Amino acid sequence: HRHGADNITSGERINLIVWARNSAYRGAAAFGNVKIKQVEKELGVPDKLCLSKSNDRDYEEKMKLFVPGTRKRKTPKLIF
């Protein structure tokens, strides 16, 4: 999942972290009885609003897919 957050230029950001509780699952995973789901490869291009320079390792790569200064995606070049 991608979760966007704009850079702040003044003031402060307060984050709220919510933890789900499922002791049966966590207990099983801790002992290797349940395989932890691997992160699935992303299909398609993410929305530019959800890209975060601070949190996405592929930020620079994904930003190349957009027209600079806009939220529009670049048109892919077709090779014949």
Protein backbone atom coordinates (compact mmCIF):
# COMPACT_ATOMS: atom_id res chain seq x y z
CA HIS A 1 0.00 0.00 0.00
CA ARG A 2 1.10 3.54 -0.59
CA HIS A 3 0.09 6.31 1.73
CA GLY A 4 0.88 9.82 0.61
CA ALA A 5 1.87 12.70 2.83
CA ASP A 6 2.78 16.14 1.54
CA ASN A 7 5.94 17.77 2.85
CA ILE A 8 5.14 20.41 5.43
CA THR A 9 6.74 23.85 5.27
CA SER A 10 5.56 25.10 8.64
CA GLY A 11 3.88 23.82 11.77
CA GLU A 12 4.02 20.18 12.77
CA ARG A 13 2.55 16.87 11.71
CA ILE A 14 0.81 14.58 14.15
CA ASN A 15 0.46 10.93 13.17
CA LEU A 16 -2.10 8.50 14.51
CA ILE A 17 -1.02 4.87 14.47
CA VAL A 18 -3.70 2.25 14.95
CA TRP A 19 -2.70 -1.32 15.69
CA ALA A 20 -5.09 -4.16 14.96
CA ARG A 21 -5.11 -6.91 17.54
CA ASN A 22 -5.39 -10.53 16.59
CA SER A 23 -3.49 -12.49 19.21
CA ALA A 24 -4.25 -15.88 17.62
CA TYR A 25 -2.67 -14.86 14.30
CA ARG A 26 0.26 -13.04 15.88
CA GLY A 27 0.91 -15.97 18.16
CA ALA A 28 0.91 -18.41 15.26
CA ALA A 29 3.13 -16.21 13.09
CA ALA A 30 5.62 -15.79 15.92
CA PHE A 31 6.14 -19.54 15.99
CA GLY A 32 6.24 -19.94 12.21
CA ASN A 33 2.88 -21.71 11.96
CA VAL A 34 1.47 -19.08 9.62
CA LYS A 35 3.43 -17.73 6.69
CA ILE A 36 3.60 -13.96 6.59
CA LYS A 37 2.16 -12.68 3.31
CA GLN A 38 4.79 -11.25 0.99
CA VAL A 39 4.25 -7.78 -0.41
CA GLU A 40 2.74 -8.11 -3.86
CA LYS A 41 4.31 -6.34 -6.80
CA GLU A 42 2.41 -3.22 -7.71
CA LEU A 43 0.48 -3.34 -10.97
CA GLY A 44 0.30 -0.16 -13.00
CA VAL A 45 1.30 3.36 -12.09
CA PRO A 46 0.45 4.73 -8.64
CA ASP A 47 -1.44 8.00 -8.27
CA LYS A 48 1.12 10.81 -7.99
CA LEU A 49 -0.65 12.07 -4.87
CA CYS A 50 0.28 8.82 -3.08
CA LEU A 51 4.02 9.03 -3.84
CA SER A 52 6.17 10.14 -0.95
CA LYS A 53 9.83 11.11 -1.31
CA SER A 54 10.29 10.37 2.38
CA ASN A 55 8.73 6.90 2.38
CA ASP A 56 8.93 5.33 -1.09
CA ARG A 57 12.24 3.81 -2.16
CA ASP A 58 11.10 3.96 -5.80
CA TYR A 59 9.97 7.62 -5.63
CA GLU A 60 12.44 8.95 -8.23
CA GLU A 61 11.69 6.06 -10.62
CA LYS A 62 7.90 6.52 -10.33
CA MET A 63 8.08 10.33 -10.66
CA LYS A 64 9.64 9.88 -14.12
CA LEU A 65 6.25 8.50 -15.22
CA PHE A 66 4.53 11.89 -14.75
CA VAL A 67 4.61 15.18 -16.67
CA PRO A 68 6.67 17.60 -14.49
CA GLY A 69 4.53 20.04 -12.49
CA THR A 70 1.30 18.11 -13.08
CA ARG A 71 -0.47 14.95 -11.90
CA LYS A 72 -0.74 13.77 -15.53
CA ARG A 73 0.96 10.55 -16.55
CA LYS A 74 3.32 10.65 -19.51
CA THR A 75 2.06 8.92 -22.63
CA PRO A 76 4.10 5.77 -23.20
CA LYS A 77 6.17 5.71 -26.37
CA LEU A 78 5.00 3.05 -28.77
CA ILE A 79 7.64 1.09 -30.65
CA PHE A 80 6.66 -0.45 -33.97
